[in-house]
Amino acid sequence: MSVLDLYGSQLADLTKVEIGDDVEEIDLTENRLKAIDERIVKLEGLKKISFRKNLLGNVEALEDMKSAGVLVEMVLYDNLIKRLPSLHNFKVATKVDFSYNKIRSMELVAKVSDSVEELYLASNKISEIESIEHLSRLTLLELGCNRIRNMERVQALGNLKELWLGKNKIEEVSGLATLTNLTKLSIQNNRLTKIDGLATLANLEELYLSFNGLTKIEGLESLTSLTILDLASNQIKEMEGLETLVKLEDLWLDNNKIKQVQGVETLGELRTLYLEGNPVKREEYRSKVIKWLPKLEKLDMEDLKL
């Protein structure tokens, strides 16, 4: 396999670079490219391309790529792109990454091939989830750091395993009832005041809800596959509703309003527990939790197994 690796070369263009007709992978990460070289567009056997960290604005040239029938991975992370190109011809593409750009609308996701399994649009200016209903093979959707208020339209993505929605403006959990294959869910740093709408996610293993306005631990009873639960930096007053989460290994409850440590006695698999930044004093709970949790390896910043 022929690979062209120009990672970190800081090139403004590729005029002095030889690009063989047999190239299958190109890495142009950390250059200063403002346009896509015509020779790349004409390559017929290209399977992976990365323009990560460049200065690309208009990427419509991608629509004419001769390798559309064989390309599996396209990364344009961290550029100046305002508009998604039409990618419906990329029939075997599985990974598409347009994170850290200036995209305001998901409307043209409608022209992304339904072969895509991983779609990354983090850190753009997107305010609405739309045009995703045809992406039936999608297993990962990354929409963190946008301006999204409503998440309901994710309900069409029945094969989704990972959903990342951190740092948006979401006030209510919705649209997840049909996503029974979900294993990782992040709605960190939003505007949630209640844990709701998660009851059907029996396969969920990791749940991240830190930096919201949650006041109570609730609605988690059926999530018995959870191994990681992050509820840090909320307004939670009591440790409750955790008893059934017997597979839990990591529990983050730091920086809340907890006055008494309780309700973790059944969590025999717990390895990591963070409680610092709560009204309850560490000397009041340290000996208790060590006695309750024989597998505990880390309590706050202390390594117990050293």
C-alpha atoms as a PDB file:
ATOM      1  CA  MET A   1       0.000   0.000   0.000  1.00  0.00           C
ATOM      2  CA  SER A   2       1.340   3.435  -0.963  1.00  0.00           C
ATOM      3  CA  VAL A   3       1.126   6.138   1.724  1.00  0.00           C
ATOM      4  CA  LEU A   4       1.845   9.872   1.424  1.00  0.00           C
ATOM      5  CA  ASP A   5       2.632  11.253   4.885  1.00  0.00           C
ATOM      6  CA  LEU A   6       3.203  15.012   5.102  1.00  0.00           C
ATOM      7  CA  TYR A   7       2.131  15.418   8.730  1.00  0.00           C
ATOM      8  CA  GLY A   8       3.309  18.741  10.166  1.00  0.00           C
ATOM      9  CA  SER A   9       5.124  19.872   7.022  1.00  0.00           C
ATOM     10  CA  GLN A  10       3.522  23.352   7.126  1.00  0.00           C
ATOM     11  CA  LEU A  11       3.089  23.423   3.353  1.00  0.00           C
ATOM     12  CA  ALA A  12       0.995  26.179   1.777  1.00  0.00           C
ATOM     13  CA  ASP A  13       0.472  24.051  -1.350  1.00  0.00           C
ATOM     14  CA  LEU A  14       1.584  20.720  -2.836  1.00  0.00           C
ATOM     15  CA  THR A  15       3.146  21.958  -6.076  1.00  0.00           C
ATOM     16  CA  LYS A  16       6.558  20.526  -5.185  1.00  0.00           C
ATOM     17  CA  VAL A  17       5.178  17.230  -3.863  1.00  0.00           C
ATOM     18  CA  GLU A  18       5.065  14.132  -6.045  1.00  0.00           C
ATOM     19  CA  ILE A  19       1.752  12.300  -5.745  1.00  0.00           C
ATOM     20  CA  GLY A  20       1.819   8.828  -7.277  1.00  0.00           C
ATOM     21  CA  ASP A  21      -1.229   7.377  -8.993  1.00  0.00           C
ATOM     22  CA  ASP A  22      -1.145   4.376  -6.647  1.00  0.00           C
ATOM     23  CA  VAL A  23      -1.463   6.341  -3.379  1.00  0.00           C
ATOM     24  CA  GLU A  24      -4.082   4.822  -1.054  1.00  0.00           C
ATOM     25  CA  GLU A  25      -3.575   6.932   2.077  1.00  0.00           C
ATOM     26  CA  ILE A  26      -2.727  10.631   2.426  1.00  0.00           C
ATOM     27  CA  ASP A  27      -2.042  12.436   5.710  1.00  0.00           C
ATOM     28  CA  LEU A  28      -1.843  16.214   5.341  1.00  0.00           C
ATOM     29  CA  THR A  29      -2.377  17.031   9.020  1.00  0.00           C
ATOM     30  CA  GLU A  30      -0.930  20.358  10.224  1.00  0.00           C
ATOM     31  CA  ASN A  31      -0.190  22.115   6.982  1.00  0.00           C
ATOM     32  CA  ARG A  32      -1.416  25.482   5.652  1.00  0.00           C
ATOM     33  CA  LEU A  33      -3.407  24.309   2.670  1.00  0.00           C
ATOM     34  CA  LYS A  34      -6.224  26.541   1.429  1.00  0.00           C
ATOM     35  CA  ALA A  35      -7.296  24.362  -1.504  1.00  0.00           C
ATOM     36  CA  ILE A  36      -7.494  20.671  -2.409  1.00  0.00           C
ATOM     37  CA  ASP A  37      -4.869  19.719  -4.990  1.00  0.00           C
ATOM     38  CA  GLU A  38      -6.434  18.607  -8.284  1.00  0.00           C
ATOM     39  CA  ARG A  39      -4.188  15.537  -8.381  1.00  0.00           C
ATOM     40  CA  ILE A  40      -5.770  14.268  -5.161  1.00  0.00           C
ATOM     41  CA  VAL A  41      -9.205  14.666  -6.721  1.00  0.00           C
ATOM     42  CA  LYS A  42      -8.106  12.502  -9.670  1.00  0.00           C
ATOM     43  CA  LEU A  43      -6.729   9.607  -7.585  1.00  0.00           C
ATOM     44  CA  GLU A  44      -8.834   6.501  -8.135  1.00  0.00           C
ATOM     45  CA  GLY A  45      -7.560   4.222  -5.373  1.00  0.00           C
ATOM     46  CA  LEU A  46      -7.488   6.615  -2.399  1.00  0.00           C
ATOM     47  CA  LYS A  47      -8.960   4.986   0.721  1.00  0.00           C
ATOM     48  CA  LYS A  48      -8.045   7.411   3.513  1.00  0.00           C
ATOM     49  CA  ILE A  49      -7.488  11.170   3.447  1.00  0.00           C
ATOM     50  CA  SER A  50      -6.776  13.586   6.309  1.00  0.00           C
ATOM     51  CA  PHE A  51      -6.713  17.376   5.945  1.00  0.00           C
ATOM     52  CA  ARG A  52      -6.764  17.857   9.726  1.00  0.00           C
ATOM     53  CA  LYS A  53      -5.597  21.312  10.889  1.00  0.00           C
ATOM     54  CA  ASN A  54      -5.357  23.216   7.631  1.00  0.00           C
ATOM     55  CA  LEU A  55      -6.931  26.404   6.251  1.00  0.00           C
ATOM     56  CA  LEU A  56      -9.490  24.891   3.906  1.00  0.00           C
ATOM     57  CA  GLY A  57     -12.668  26.883   3.362  1.00  0.00           C
ATOM     58  CA  ASN A  58     -14.335  25.678   0.183  1.00  0.00           C
ATOM     59  CA  VAL A  59     -14.144  21.879  -0.142  1.00  0.00           C
ATOM     60  CA  GLU A  60     -16.589  21.332  -3.011  1.00  0.00           C
ATOM     61  CA  ALA A  61     -13.731  19.655  -4.913  1.00  0.00           C
ATOM     62  CA  LEU A  62     -14.402  16.593  -2.746  1.00  0.00           C
ATOM     63  CA  GLU A  63     -17.653  16.068  -4.653  1.00  0.00           C
ATOM     64  CA  ASP A  64     -15.666  15.245  -7.808  1.00  0.00           C
ATOM     65  CA  MET A  65     -13.187  12.792  -6.291  1.00  0.00           C
ATOM     66  CA  LYS A  66     -12.515   9.782  -8.530  1.00  0.00           C
ATOM     67  CA  SER A  67     -11.942   7.650  -5.440  1.00  0.00           C
ATOM     68  CA  ALA A  68     -15.499   8.121  -4.161  1.00  0.00           C
ATOM     69  CA  GLY A  69     -16.226   4.428  -4.693  1.00  0.00           C
ATOM     70  CA  VAL A  70     -13.340   3.192  -2.501  1.00  0.00           C
ATOM     71  CA  LEU A  71     -12.680   5.946   0.076  1.00  0.00           C
ATOM     72  CA  VAL A  72     -13.511   4.777   3.597  1.00  0.00           C
ATOM     73  CA  GLU A  73     -12.203   7.606   5.792  1.00  0.00           C
ATOM     74  CA  MET A  74     -12.359  11.390   5.319  1.00  0.00           C
ATOM     75  CA  VAL A  75     -11.023  13.737   8.019  1.00  0.00           C
ATOM     76  CA  LEU A  76     -11.303  17.527   7.674  1.00  0.00           C
ATOM     77  CA  TYR A  77     -11.097  18.335  11.386  1.00  0.00           C
ATOM     78  CA  ASP A  78     -10.074  21.911  12.287  1.00  0.00           C
ATOM     79  CA  ASN A  79     -10.380  23.950   9.102  1.00  0.00           C
ATOM     80  CA  LEU A  80     -12.471  26.956   8.041  1.00  0.00           C
ATOM     81  CA  ILE A  81     -15.318  25.072   6.364  1.00  0.00           C
ATOM     82  CA  LYS A  82     -18.768  26.701   6.487  1.00  0.00           C
ATOM     83  CA  ARG A  83     -20.679  24.261   4.295  1.00  0.00           C
ATOM     84  CA  LEU A  84     -20.669  20.480   4.089  1.00  0.00           C
ATOM     85  CA  PRO A  85     -20.028  19.118   0.586  1.00  0.00           C
ATOM     86  CA  SER A  86     -22.314  16.552  -1.034  1.00  0.00           C
ATOM     87  CA  LEU A  87     -20.923  13.127  -0.116  1.00  0.00           C
ATOM     88  CA  HIS A  88     -23.637  10.810  -1.450  1.00  0.00           C
ATOM     89  CA  ASN A  89     -21.236   9.225  -3.987  1.00  0.00           C
ATOM     90  CA  PHE A  90     -18.931   7.886  -1.259  1.00  0.00           C
ATOM     91  CA  LYS A  91     -20.719   4.552  -1.063  1.00  0.00           C
ATOM     92  CA  VAL A  92     -18.220   2.748   1.192  1.00  0.00           C
ATOM     93  CA  ALA A  93     -17.186   5.651   3.448  1.00  0.00           C
ATOM     94  CA  THR A  94     -17.480   4.704   7.112  1.00  0.00           C
ATOM     95  CA  LYS A  95     -15.865   7.677   8.891  1.00  0.00           C
ATOM     96  CA  VAL A  96     -16.501  11.370   8.144  1.00  0.00           C
ATOM     97  CA  ASP A  97     -15.038  14.062  10.408  1.00  0.00           C
ATOM     98  CA  PHE A  98     -15.799  17.775   9.971  1.00  0.00           C
ATOM     99  CA  SER A  99     -15.262  18.760  13.625  1.00  0.00           C
ATOM    100  CA  TYR A 100     -13.846  22.171  14.571  1.00  0.00           C
ATOM    101  CA  ASN A 101     -15.103  24.102  11.573  1.00  0.00           C
ATOM    102  CA  LYS A 102     -17.675  26.859  11.047  1.00  0.00           C
ATOM    103  CA  ILE A 103     -20.632  24.766   9.898  1.00  0.00           C
ATOM    104  CA  ARG A 104     -24.010  26.219  10.929  1.00  0.00           C
ATOM    105  CA  SER A 105     -26.415  23.672   9.466  1.00  0.00           C
ATOM    106  CA  MET A 106     -26.722  19.884   9.203  1.00  0.00           C
ATOM    107  CA  GLU A 107     -29.024  20.212   6.200  1.00  0.00           C
ATOM    108  CA  LEU A 108     -26.442  18.771   3.796  1.00  0.00           C
ATOM    109  CA  VAL A 109     -25.954  15.705   5.994  1.00  0.00           C
ATOM    110  CA  ALA A 110     -28.863  14.504   3.851  1.00  0.00           C
ATOM    111  CA  LYS A 111     -26.264  14.076   1.088  1.00  0.00           C
ATOM    112  CA  VAL A 112     -23.869  12.027   3.209  1.00  0.00           C
ATOM    113  CA  SER A 113     -23.776   8.385   2.120  1.00  0.00           C
ATOM    114  CA  ASP A 114     -25.804   5.965   4.234  1.00  0.00           C
ATOM    115  CA  SER A 115     -22.677   3.802   4.509  1.00  0.00           C
ATOM    116  CA  VAL A 116     -21.242   6.144   7.168  1.00  0.00           C
ATOM    117  CA  GLU A 117     -20.835   4.571  10.610  1.00  0.00           C
ATOM    118  CA  GLU A 118     -19.044   7.419  12.415  1.00  0.00           C
ATOM    119  CA  LEU A 119     -19.981  11.090  11.927  1.00  0.00           C
ATOM    120  CA  TYR A 120     -18.078  13.833  13.753  1.00  0.00           C
ATOM    121  CA  LEU A 121     -19.375  17.421  13.729  1.00  0.00           C
ATOM    122  CA  ALA A 122     -18.120  18.639  17.112  1.00  0.00           C
ATOM    123  CA  SER A 123     -17.218  22.291  17.727  1.00  0.00           C
ATOM    124  CA  ASN A 124     -19.176  23.898  14.932  1.00  0.00           C
ATOM    125  CA  LYS A 125     -22.094  26.349  15.108  1.00  0.00           C
ATOM    126  CA  ILE A 126     -24.932  23.869  14.646  1.00  0.00           C
ATOM    127  CA  SER A 127     -28.228  24.746  16.333  1.00  0.00           C
ATOM    128  CA  GLU A 128     -30.443  21.891  15.110  1.00  0.00           C
ATOM    129  CA  ILE A 129     -30.045  18.143  14.614  1.00  0.00           C
ATOM    130  CA  GLU A 130     -31.488  17.350  11.187  1.00  0.00           C
ATOM    131  CA  SER A 131     -31.147  15.286   7.992  1.00  0.00           C
ATOM    132  CA  ILE A 132     -29.842  12.171   9.776  1.00  0.00           C
ATOM    133  CA  GLU A 133     -32.782   9.793   9.315  1.00  0.00           C
ATOM    134  CA  HIS A 134     -31.143   7.909   6.418  1.00  0.00           C
ATOM    135  CA  LEU A 135     -27.942   7.105   8.357  1.00  0.00           C
ATOM    136  CA  SER A 136     -29.161   3.693   9.465  1.00  0.00           C
ATOM    137  CA  ARG A 137     -25.632   2.286   9.920  1.00  0.00           C
ATOM    138  CA  LEU A 138     -24.431   5.080  12.170  1.00  0.00           C
ATOM    139  CA  THR A 139     -22.861   3.768  15.383  1.00  0.00           C
ATOM    140  CA  LEU A 140     -21.187   7.002  16.569  1.00  0.00           C
ATOM    141  CA  LEU A 141     -22.465  10.583  16.420  1.00  0.00           C
ATOM    142  CA  GLU A 142     -20.343  13.397  17.863  1.00  0.00           C
ATOM    143  CA  LEU A 143     -22.089  16.778  18.128  1.00  0.00           C
ATOM    144  CA  GLY A 144     -20.383  18.224  21.205  1.00  0.00           C
ATOM    145  CA  CYS A 145     -19.653  21.962  21.495  1.00  0.00           C
ATOM    146  CA  ASN A 146     -22.446  23.271  19.299  1.00  0.00           C
ATOM    147  CA  ARG A 147     -25.643  25.247  19.961  1.00  0.00           C
ATOM    148  CA  ILE A 148     -28.153  22.391  20.003  1.00  0.00           C
ATOM    149  CA  ARG A 149     -31.280  22.739  22.171  1.00  0.00           C
ATOM    150  CA  ASN A 150     -33.335  19.704  21.098  1.00  0.00           C
ATOM    151  CA  MET A 151     -31.976  16.163  20.711  1.00  0.00           C
ATOM    152  CA  GLU A 152     -35.203  14.363  19.778  1.00  0.00           C
ATOM    153  CA  ARG A 153     -34.275  13.573  16.165  1.00  0.00           C
ATOM    154  CA  VAL A 154     -31.595  11.096  17.208  1.00  0.00           C
ATOM    155  CA  GLN A 155     -34.456   8.625  17.714  1.00  0.00           C
ATOM    156  CA  ALA A 156     -34.084   7.515  14.076  1.00  0.00           C
ATOM    157  CA  LEU A 157     -30.595   6.098  14.690  1.00  0.00           C
ATOM    158  CA  GLY A 158     -31.437   2.651  16.022  1.00  0.00           C
ATOM    159  CA  ASN A 159     -27.916   1.235  15.618  1.00  0.00           C
ATOM    160  CA  LEU A 160     -26.208   4.073  17.476  1.00  0.00           C
ATOM    161  CA  LYS A 161     -23.725   2.950  20.148  1.00  0.00           C
ATOM    162  CA  GLU A 162     -22.103   6.269  21.059  1.00  0.00           C
ATOM    163  CA  LEU A 163     -23.780   9.686  21.292  1.00  0.00           C
ATOM    164  CA  TRP A 164     -21.746  12.726  22.313  1.00  0.00           C
ATOM    165  CA  LEU A 165     -23.701  15.935  22.981  1.00  0.00           C
ATOM    166  CA  GLY A 166     -21.571  17.702  25.597  1.00  0.00           C
ATOM    167  CA  LYS A 167     -21.437  21.491  25.782  1.00  0.00           C
ATOM    168  CA  ASN A 168     -24.704  22.359  24.056  1.00  0.00           C
ATOM    169  CA  LYS A 169     -27.912  24.030  25.298  1.00  0.00           C
ATOM    170  CA  ILE A 170     -30.069  20.957  25.919  1.00  0.00           C
ATOM    171  CA  GLU A 171     -32.662  21.335  28.699  1.00  0.00           C
ATOM    172  CA  GLU A 172     -34.396  17.958  28.415  1.00  0.00           C
ATOM    173  CA  VAL A 173     -33.351  14.411  27.497  1.00  0.00           C
ATOM    174  CA  SER A 174     -35.506  13.169  24.605  1.00  0.00           C
ATOM    175  CA  GLY A 175     -35.478  10.798  21.641  1.00  0.00           C
ATOM    176  CA  LEU A 176     -33.468   8.041  23.299  1.00  0.00           C
ATOM    177  CA  ALA A 177     -36.167   5.424  23.918  1.00  0.00           C
ATOM    178  CA  THR A 178     -35.424   3.619  20.632  1.00  0.00           C
ATOM    179  CA  LEU A 179     -31.623   3.696  21.005  1.00  0.00           C
ATOM    180  CA  THR A 180     -31.382   0.411  22.864  1.00  0.00           C
ATOM    181  CA  ASN A 181     -27.906  -0.346  21.459  1.00  0.00           C
ATOM    182  CA  LEU A 182     -26.394   2.747  23.051  1.00  0.00           C
ATOM    183  CA  THR A 183     -23.322   2.022  25.215  1.00  0.00           C
ATOM    184  CA  LYS A 184     -21.885   5.540  25.678  1.00  0.00           C
ATOM    185  CA  LEU A 185     -23.849   8.750  26.236  1.00  0.00           C
ATOM    186  CA  SER A 186     -22.526  12.207  27.054  1.00  0.00           C
ATOM    187  CA  ILE A 187     -24.771  15.190  27.758  1.00  0.00           C
ATOM    188  CA  GLN A 188     -22.231  16.999  29.926  1.00  0.00           C
ATOM    189  CA  ASN A 189     -22.256  20.757  30.299  1.00  0.00           C
ATOM    190  CA  ASN A 190     -25.821  21.397  29.187  1.00  0.00           C
ATOM    191  CA  ARG A 191     -28.913  22.759  30.949  1.00  0.00           C
ATOM    192  CA  LEU A 192     -30.469  19.582  32.349  1.00  0.00           C
ATOM    193  CA  THR A 193     -32.314  19.846  35.659  1.00  0.00           C
ATOM    194  CA  LYS A 194     -33.665  16.288  35.751  1.00  0.00           C
ATOM    195  CA  ILE A 195     -32.437  12.802  34.795  1.00  0.00           C
ATOM    196  CA  ASP A 196     -35.177  11.380  32.600  1.00  0.00           C
ATOM    197  CA  GLY A 197     -35.746   9.444  29.373  1.00  0.00           C
ATOM    198  CA  LEU A 198     -33.021   6.840  29.918  1.00  0.00           C
ATOM    199  CA  ALA A 199     -35.048   3.871  31.178  1.00  0.00           C
ATOM    200  CA  THR A 200     -34.795   1.769  27.988  1.00  0.00           C
ATOM    201  CA  LEU A 201     -31.000   2.035  27.686  1.00  0.00           C
ATOM    202  CA  ALA A 202     -30.223  -1.292  29.334  1.00  0.00           C
ATOM    203  CA  ASN A 203     -26.940  -1.668  27.410  1.00  0.00           C
ATOM    204  CA  LEU A 204     -25.554   1.709  28.470  1.00  0.00           C
ATOM    205  CA  GLU A 205     -22.076   1.339  29.982  1.00  0.00           C
ATOM    206  CA  GLU A 206     -20.887   4.948  30.263  1.00  0.00           C
ATOM    207  CA  LEU A 207     -23.033   7.963  31.186  1.00  0.00           C
ATOM    208  CA  TYR A 208     -21.650  11.489  31.485  1.00  0.00           C
ATOM    209  CA  LEU A 209     -23.950  14.168  32.948  1.00  0.00           C
ATOM    210  CA  SER A 210     -21.531  16.494  34.760  1.00  0.00           C
ATOM    211  CA  PHE A 211     -21.863  20.292  34.723  1.00  0.00           C
ATOM    212  CA  ASN A 212     -25.649  20.483  34.552  1.00  0.00           C
ATOM    213  CA  GLY A 213     -28.262  21.631  37.067  1.00  0.00           C
ATOM    214  CA  LEU A 214     -29.294  18.213  38.385  1.00  0.00           C
ATOM    215  CA  THR A 215     -30.587  18.156  41.967  1.00  0.00           C
ATOM    216  CA  LYS A 216     -31.450  14.476  42.347  1.00  0.00           C
ATOM    217  CA  ILE A 217     -30.125  11.074  41.256  1.00  0.00           C
ATOM    218  CA  GLU A 218     -33.122   9.377  39.650  1.00  0.00           C
ATOM    219  CA  GLY A 219     -34.204   7.395  36.611  1.00  0.00           C
ATOM    220  CA  LEU A 220     -31.107   5.195  36.551  1.00  0.00           C
ATOM    221  CA  GLU A 221     -32.499   2.047  38.163  1.00  0.00           C
ATOM    222  CA  SER A 222     -32.713   0.045  34.921  1.00  0.00           C
ATOM    223  CA  LEU A 223     -29.219   0.976  33.710  1.00  0.00           C
ATOM    224  CA  THR A 224     -27.649  -2.088  35.274  1.00  0.00           C
ATOM    225  CA  SER A 225     -24.839  -2.312  32.707  1.00  0.00           C
ATOM    226  CA  LEU A 226     -23.309   1.019  33.738  1.00  0.00           C
ATOM    227  CA  THR A 227     -19.604   0.909  34.596  1.00  0.00           C
ATOM    228  CA  ILE A 228     -18.943   4.685  34.519  1.00  0.00           C
ATOM    229  CA  LEU A 229     -21.281   7.349  35.904  1.00  0.00           C
ATOM    230  CA  ASP A 230     -20.242  11.007  35.953  1.00  0.00           C
ATOM    231  CA  LEU A 231     -22.536  13.338  37.897  1.00  0.00           C
ATOM    232  CA  ALA A 232     -19.874  15.810  39.015  1.00  0.00           C
ATOM    233  CA  SER A 233     -20.515  19.553  39.301  1.00  0.00           C
ATOM    234  CA  ASN A 234     -24.281  19.498  39.720  1.00  0.00           C
ATOM    235  CA  GLN A 235     -26.574  20.457  42.631  1.00  0.00           C
ATOM    236  CA  ILE A 236     -27.173  16.927  43.950  1.00  0.00           C
ATOM    237  CA  LYS A 237     -27.961  16.787  47.674  1.00  0.00           C
ATOM    238  CA  GLU A 238     -28.316  13.061  48.377  1.00  0.00           C
ATOM    239  CA  MET A 239     -26.629   9.836  47.271  1.00  0.00           C
ATOM    240  CA  GLU A 240     -29.644   7.778  46.262  1.00  0.00           C
ATOM    241  CA  GLY A 241     -30.925   5.718  43.344  1.00  0.00           C
ATOM    242  CA  LEU A 242     -27.602   3.937  42.880  1.00  0.00           C
ATOM    243  CA  GLU A 243     -28.363   0.604  44.531  1.00  0.00           C
ATOM    244  CA  THR A 244     -29.066  -1.366  41.338  1.00  0.00           C
ATOM    245  CA  LEU A 245     -25.934  -0.206  39.511  1.00  0.00           C
ATOM    246  CA  VAL A 246     -23.898  -3.165  40.737  1.00  0.00           C
ATOM    247  CA  LYS A 247     -21.445  -3.153  37.797  1.00  0.00           C
ATOM    248  CA  LEU A 248     -20.375   0.422  38.444  1.00  0.00           C
ATOM    249  CA  GLU A 249     -16.587   0.856  38.529  1.00  0.00           C
ATOM    250  CA  ASP A 250     -16.203   4.650  38.351  1.00  0.00           C
ATOM    251  CA  LEU A 251     -18.510   7.097  40.151  1.00  0.00           C
ATOM    252  CA  TRP A 252     -17.901  10.844  40.062  1.00  0.00           C
ATOM    253  CA  LEU A 253     -19.995  12.930  42.455  1.00  0.00           C
ATOM    254  CA  ASP A 254     -17.482  15.658  43.262  1.00  0.00           C
ATOM    255  CA  ASN A 255     -18.569  19.291  43.546  1.00  0.00           C
ATOM    256  CA  ASN A 256     -22.183  18.737  44.504  1.00  0.00           C
ATOM    257  CA  LYS A 257     -24.131  19.496  47.710  1.00  0.00           C
ATOM    258  CA  ILE A 258     -23.914  16.076  49.374  1.00  0.00           C
ATOM    259  CA  LYS A 259     -23.897  16.175  53.192  1.00  0.00           C
ATOM    260  CA  GLN A 260     -23.929  12.441  53.909  1.00  0.00           C
ATOM    261  CA  VAL A 261     -22.291   9.467  52.178  1.00  0.00           C
ATOM    262  CA  GLN A 262     -24.720   6.581  51.744  1.00  0.00           C
ATOM    263  CA  GLY A 263     -26.278   4.261  49.176  1.00  0.00           C
ATOM    264  CA  VAL A 264     -23.032   2.849  47.779  1.00  0.00           C
ATOM    265  CA  GLU A 265     -22.819  -0.276  49.918  1.00  0.00           C
ATOM    266  CA  THR A 266     -24.112  -2.474  47.085  1.00  0.00           C
ATOM    267  CA  LEU A 267     -21.530  -1.191  44.582  1.00  0.00           C
ATOM    268  CA  GLY A 268     -18.978  -3.927  45.202  1.00  0.00           C
ATOM    269  CA  GLU A 269     -17.196  -3.447  41.862  1.00  0.00           C
ATOM    270  CA  LEU A 270     -16.434   0.239  42.442  1.00  0.00           C
ATOM    271  CA  ARG A 271     -12.790   1.114  41.769  1.00  0.00           C
ATOM    272  CA  THR A 272     -12.938   4.919  41.658  1.00  0.00           C
ATOM    273  CA  LEU A 273     -15.035   7.284  43.774  1.00  0.00           C
ATOM    274  CA  TYR A 274     -14.842  11.078  43.733  1.00  0.00           C
ATOM    275  CA  LEU A 275     -16.653  12.998  46.475  1.00  0.00           C
ATOM    276  CA  GLU A 276     -14.413  16.008  47.069  1.00  0.00           C
ATOM    277  CA  GLY A 277     -15.961  19.461  46.870  1.00  0.00           C
ATOM    278  CA  ASN A 278     -19.090  18.460  48.822  1.00  0.00           C
ATOM    279  CA  PRO A 279     -20.203  19.697  52.265  1.00  0.00           C
ATOM    280  CA  VAL A 280     -19.463  16.259  53.749  1.00  0.00           C
ATOM    281  CA  LYS A 281     -15.957  16.180  55.209  1.00  0.00           C
ATOM    282  CA  ARG A 282     -13.501  13.624  53.876  1.00  0.00           C
ATOM    283  CA  GLU A 283     -12.626  12.358  57.346  1.00  0.00           C
ATOM    284  CA  GLU A 284     -16.302  11.517  57.827  1.00  0.00           C
ATOM    285  CA  TYR A 285     -16.533   9.151  54.859  1.00  0.00           C
ATOM    286  CA  ARG A 286     -13.036   7.816  54.121  1.00  0.00           C
ATOM    287  CA  SER A 287     -13.061   4.884  56.550  1.00  0.00           C
ATOM    288  CA  LYS A 288     -16.690   4.045  55.715  1.00  0.00           C
ATOM    289  CA  VAL A 289     -16.279   3.691  51.980  1.00  0.00           C
ATOM    290  CA  ILE A 290     -13.020   1.757  52.295  1.00  0.00           C
ATOM    291  CA  LYS A 291     -14.863  -0.723  54.508  1.00  0.00           C
ATOM    292  CA  TRP A 292     -17.903  -0.907  52.205  1.00  0.00           C
ATOM    293  CA  LEU A 293     -15.990  -1.102  48.933  1.00  0.00           C
ATOM    294  CA  PRO A 294     -13.155  -3.678  49.077  1.00  0.00           C
ATOM    295  CA  LYS A 295     -12.147  -3.180  45.418  1.00  0.00           C
ATOM    296  CA  LEU A 296     -11.822   0.603  45.701  1.00  0.00           C
ATOM    297  CA  GLU A 297      -8.503   1.793  44.263  1.00  0.00           C
ATOM    298  CA  LYS A 298      -8.971   5.557  44.169  1.00  0.00           C
ATOM    299  CA  LEU A 299     -10.847   7.827  46.565  1.00  0.00           C
ATOM    300  CA  ASP A 300     -10.821  11.436  45.450  1.00  0.00           C
ATOM    301  CA  MET A 301      -7.152  12.066  44.608  1.00  0.00           C
ATOM    302  CA  GLU A 302      -5.802   9.325  46.868  1.00  0.00           C
ATOM    303  CA  ASP A 303      -4.497   6.040  45.446  1.00  0.00           C
ATOM    304  CA  LEU A 304      -5.542   3.432  47.995  1.00  0.00           C
ATOM    305  CA  LYS A 305      -3.556   0.537  46.516  1.00  0.00           C
ATOM    306  CA  LEU A 306      -0.107   2.138  46.700  1.00  0.00           C
END
